[in-house]
Amino acid sequence: MTLLDTARAVRENAHAPYSKFKVGAALRSTSGAVYAGCNVENVAYPEGTCAEAGAIAAMIAGGDKRIAEIAVIADSPQPVSPCGGCRQKIAEFADGDVVVTLHTTDGAVLQTTVFALLPGVFDADYMSRV
């Protein structure tokens, strides 16, 4: 099963009663394991948690720490981009050249990198004097 297939399948499990906007994400860790996540909304936080954050949480729970590649899919007119918070989370666990492939359910694809999504990322180097 490809990352896209995994992201597409987990997207169906999204809990999006407010926005009705389902997002699925799948990532491959550097160990080769695949982890998936979908967005989850609730009444107190209707914008919910993001699919990418869910996949990263699953990766950490599975004992892995580094992302090798990631795929995201949504039913949108153009490939859906991770929100700012998820971009920072992705950058925390992936090198800048890691490929991020964004998909629509219609088949449109945009391939980018972590660095292109978040240039000037805040990382541990900023705290090297602490």
C-alpha atoms as a PDB file:
ATOM      1  CA  MET A   1       0.000   0.000   0.000  1.00  0.00           C
ATOM      2  CA  THR A   2       1.401   3.424  -0.944  1.00  0.00           C
ATOM      3  CA  LEU A   3       1.475   6.444   1.349  1.00  0.00           C
ATOM      4  CA  LEU A   4      -1.314   7.959  -0.758  1.00  0.00           C
ATOM      5  CA  ASP A   5      -3.439   4.809  -0.380  1.00  0.00           C
ATOM      6  CA  THR A   6      -2.883   4.878   3.389  1.00  0.00           C
ATOM      7  CA  ALA A   7      -3.715   8.594   3.618  1.00  0.00           C
ATOM      8  CA  ARG A   8      -6.812   8.133   1.449  1.00  0.00           C
ATOM      9  CA  ALA A   9      -8.052   5.246   3.614  1.00  0.00           C
ATOM     10  CA  VAL A  10      -7.482   6.976   6.969  1.00  0.00           C
ATOM     11  CA  ARG A  11      -9.151  10.153   5.645  1.00  0.00           C
ATOM     12  CA  GLU A  12     -12.438   8.246   5.706  1.00  0.00           C
ATOM     13  CA  ASN A  13     -12.060   7.931   9.511  1.00  0.00           C
ATOM     14  CA  ALA A  14     -11.788  11.696  10.050  1.00  0.00           C
ATOM     15  CA  HIS A  15     -14.161  13.172  12.612  1.00  0.00           C
ATOM     16  CA  ALA A  16     -15.239  16.440  10.982  1.00  0.00           C
ATOM     17  CA  PRO A  17     -18.863  17.102  12.044  1.00  0.00           C
ATOM     18  CA  TYR A  18     -18.437  20.896  11.942  1.00  0.00           C
ATOM     19  CA  SER A  19     -16.337  21.621   8.872  1.00  0.00           C
ATOM     20  CA  LYS A  20     -17.158  18.409   6.955  1.00  0.00           C
ATOM     21  CA  PHE A  21     -13.560  18.782   5.638  1.00  0.00           C
ATOM     22  CA  LYS A  22     -11.832  15.421   5.979  1.00  0.00           C
ATOM     23  CA  VAL A  23      -8.048  15.232   5.735  1.00  0.00           C
ATOM     24  CA  GLY A  24      -5.816  12.162   5.772  1.00  0.00           C
ATOM     25  CA  ALA A  25      -2.055  11.993   6.199  1.00  0.00           C
ATOM     26  CA  ALA A  26       0.443   9.168   6.071  1.00  0.00           C
ATOM     27  CA  LEU A  27       4.143   9.266   6.705  1.00  0.00           C
ATOM     28  CA  ARG A  28       6.989   6.854   6.331  1.00  0.00           C
ATOM     29  CA  SER A  29       9.555   7.007   9.095  1.00  0.00           C
ATOM     30  CA  THR A  30      13.246   6.503   8.468  1.00  0.00           C
ATOM     31  CA  SER A  31      12.815   2.956   9.844  1.00  0.00           C
ATOM     32  CA  GLY A  32      10.400   2.247   6.971  1.00  0.00           C
ATOM     33  CA  ALA A  33       7.295   2.010   9.156  1.00  0.00           C
ATOM     34  CA  VAL A  34       4.150   3.794   7.953  1.00  0.00           C
ATOM     35  CA  TYR A  35       1.950   5.862  10.282  1.00  0.00           C
ATOM     36  CA  ALA A  36      -1.369   7.540   9.524  1.00  0.00           C
ATOM     37  CA  GLY A  37      -3.541  10.267  10.980  1.00  0.00           C
ATOM     38  CA  CYS A  38      -6.774  12.088  10.230  1.00  0.00           C
ATOM     39  CA  ASN A  39      -8.274  15.331  11.457  1.00  0.00           C
ATOM     40  CA  VAL A  40     -10.441  15.282  14.577  1.00  0.00           C
ATOM     41  CA  GLU A  41     -12.838  18.114  15.486  1.00  0.00           C
ATOM     42  CA  ASN A  42     -14.722  18.642  18.720  1.00  0.00           C
ATOM     43  CA  VAL A  43     -17.206  21.167  20.053  1.00  0.00           C
ATOM     44  CA  ALA A  44     -14.635  22.971  22.218  1.00  0.00           C
ATOM     45  CA  TYR A  45     -12.071  23.098  19.398  1.00  0.00           C
ATOM     46  CA  PRO A  46     -14.109  22.942  16.157  1.00  0.00           C
ATOM     47  CA  GLU A  47     -11.104  23.476  13.910  1.00  0.00           C
ATOM     48  CA  GLY A  48      -9.768  20.315  15.517  1.00  0.00           C
ATOM     49  CA  THR A  49      -6.442  18.610  15.371  1.00  0.00           C
ATOM     50  CA  CYS A  50      -4.786  18.081  12.039  1.00  0.00           C
ATOM     51  CA  ALA A  51      -4.133  14.871  10.164  1.00  0.00           C
ATOM     52  CA  GLU A  52      -0.393  15.524  10.002  1.00  0.00           C
ATOM     53  CA  ALA A  53      -0.185  15.977  13.769  1.00  0.00           C
ATOM     54  CA  GLY A  54      -2.073  12.716  14.209  1.00  0.00           C
ATOM     55  CA  ALA A  55       0.356  10.827  11.971  1.00  0.00           C
ATOM     56  CA  ILE A  56       3.312  12.324  13.853  1.00  0.00           C
ATOM     57  CA  ALA A  57       1.766  11.361  17.202  1.00  0.00           C
ATOM     58  CA  ALA A  58       1.291   7.800  15.923  1.00  0.00           C
ATOM     59  CA  MET A  59       4.933   7.743  14.795  1.00  0.00           C
ATOM     60  CA  ILE A  60       6.175   8.869  18.201  1.00  0.00           C
ATOM     61  CA  ALA A  61       3.872   6.358  19.937  1.00  0.00           C
ATOM     62  CA  GLY A  62       5.310   3.682  17.636  1.00  0.00           C
ATOM     63  CA  GLY A  63       8.838   4.487  18.779  1.00  0.00           C
ATOM     64  CA  ASP A  64      10.098   6.278  15.665  1.00  0.00           C
ATOM     65  CA  LYS A  65      11.442   9.849  15.645  1.00  0.00           C
ATOM     66  CA  ARG A  66      12.262  10.818  12.025  1.00  0.00           C
ATOM     67  CA  ILE A  67      10.090  11.299   8.945  1.00  0.00           C
ATOM     68  CA  ALA A  68      11.396  10.082   5.576  1.00  0.00           C
ATOM     69  CA  GLU A  69       8.377  11.225   3.507  1.00  0.00           C
ATOM     70  CA  ILE A  70       4.791  12.332   3.994  1.00  0.00           C
ATOM     71  CA  ALA A  71       1.560  12.433   1.969  1.00  0.00           C
ATOM     72  CA  VAL A  72      -1.591  14.448   2.648  1.00  0.00           C
ATOM     73  CA  ILE A  73      -4.982  14.241   0.914  1.00  0.00           C
ATOM     74  CA  ALA A  74      -8.243  16.205   1.096  1.00  0.00           C
ATOM     75  CA  ASP A  75     -11.287  16.886  -1.052  1.00  0.00           C
ATOM     76  CA  SER A  76     -10.206  20.387  -2.010  1.00  0.00           C
ATOM     77  CA  PRO A  77      -9.939  22.317  -5.286  1.00  0.00           C
ATOM     78  CA  GLN A  78      -6.139  22.345  -5.009  1.00  0.00           C
ATOM     79  CA  PRO A  79      -3.692  20.231  -3.015  1.00  0.00           C
ATOM     80  CA  VAL A  80      -4.184  21.006   0.667  1.00  0.00           C
ATOM     81  CA  SER A  81      -1.208  22.408   2.516  1.00  0.00           C
ATOM     82  CA  PRO A  82      -0.478  21.637   6.164  1.00  0.00           C
ATOM     83  CA  CYS A  83      -1.362  24.451   8.572  1.00  0.00           C
ATOM     84  CA  GLY A  84       1.418  26.470  10.181  1.00  0.00           C
ATOM     85  CA  GLY A  85       1.394  24.421  13.370  1.00  0.00           C
ATOM     86  CA  CYS A  86       1.710  21.175  11.453  1.00  0.00           C
ATOM     87  CA  ARG A  87       4.471  22.603   9.293  1.00  0.00           C
ATOM     88  CA  GLN A  88       6.454  23.297  12.457  1.00  0.00           C
ATOM     89  CA  LYS A  89       5.704  19.798  13.798  1.00  0.00           C
ATOM     90  CA  ILE A  90       6.763  18.206  10.514  1.00  0.00           C
ATOM     91  CA  ALA A  91       9.981  20.265  10.537  1.00  0.00           C
ATOM     92  CA  GLU A  92      10.712  19.071  14.077  1.00  0.00           C
ATOM     93  CA  PHE A  93      10.848  15.459  12.878  1.00  0.00           C
ATOM     94  CA  ALA A  94      12.034  15.777   9.252  1.00  0.00           C
ATOM     95  CA  ASP A  95      15.040  17.169   7.415  1.00  0.00           C
ATOM     96  CA  GLY A  96      14.434  20.122   5.100  1.00  0.00           C
ATOM     97  CA  ASP A  97      14.759  18.032   1.936  1.00  0.00           C
ATOM     98  CA  VAL A  98      12.095  15.499   2.965  1.00  0.00           C
ATOM     99  CA  VAL A  99       9.424  15.253   0.265  1.00  0.00           C
ATOM    100  CA  VAL A 100       5.869  16.275   1.165  1.00  0.00           C
ATOM    101  CA  THR A 101       3.295  15.273  -1.437  1.00  0.00           C
ATOM    102  CA  LEU A 102      -0.066  17.038  -1.288  1.00  0.00           C
ATOM    103  CA  HIS A 103      -3.064  15.480  -3.060  1.00  0.00           C
ATOM    104  CA  THR A 104      -6.697  16.187  -3.847  1.00  0.00           C
ATOM    105  CA  THR A 105      -9.315  13.469  -4.107  1.00  0.00           C
ATOM    106  CA  ASP A 106      -9.632  14.493  -7.788  1.00  0.00           C
ATOM    107  CA  GLY A 107      -6.024  13.496  -8.477  1.00  0.00           C
ATOM    108  CA  ALA A 108      -4.218  16.854  -8.443  1.00  0.00           C
ATOM    109  CA  VAL A 109      -0.763  16.579  -6.901  1.00  0.00           C
ATOM    110  CA  LEU A 110       1.774  19.068  -5.596  1.00  0.00           C
ATOM    111  CA  GLN A 111       5.149  17.792  -4.489  1.00  0.00           C
ATOM    112  CA  THR A 112       7.237  20.028  -2.263  1.00  0.00           C
ATOM    113  CA  THR A 113       9.748  19.792   0.578  1.00  0.00           C
ATOM    114  CA  VAL A 114       9.675  20.554   4.271  1.00  0.00           C
ATOM    115  CA  PHE A 115      11.985  23.537   3.717  1.00  0.00           C
ATOM    116  CA  ALA A 116       9.768  24.957   0.950  1.00  0.00           C
ATOM    117  CA  LEU A 117       6.746  24.687   3.264  1.00  0.00           C
ATOM    118  CA  LEU A 118       8.536  26.368   6.160  1.00  0.00           C
ATOM    119  CA  PRO A 119      11.586  28.432   5.197  1.00  0.00           C
ATOM    120  CA  GLY A 120      13.435  29.838   8.176  1.00  0.00           C
ATOM    121  CA  VAL A 121      12.080  27.089  10.442  1.00  0.00           C
ATOM    122  CA  PHE A 122      12.766  27.538  14.146  1.00  0.00           C
ATOM    123  CA  ASP A 123      14.985  24.639  15.178  1.00  0.00           C
ATOM    124  CA  ALA A 124      17.355  23.586  17.953  1.00  0.00           C
ATOM    125  CA  ASP A 125      20.249  25.526  16.400  1.00  0.00           C
ATOM    126  CA  TYR A 126      18.679  28.735  17.689  1.00  0.00           C
ATOM    127  CA  MET A 127      19.165  27.469  21.230  1.00  0.00           C
ATOM    128  CA  SER A 128      22.790  26.393  20.798  1.00  0.00           C
ATOM    129  CA  ARG A 129      24.021  28.978  23.330  1.00  0.00           C
ATOM    130  CA  VAL A 130      21.705  27.837  26.102  1.00  0.00           C
END
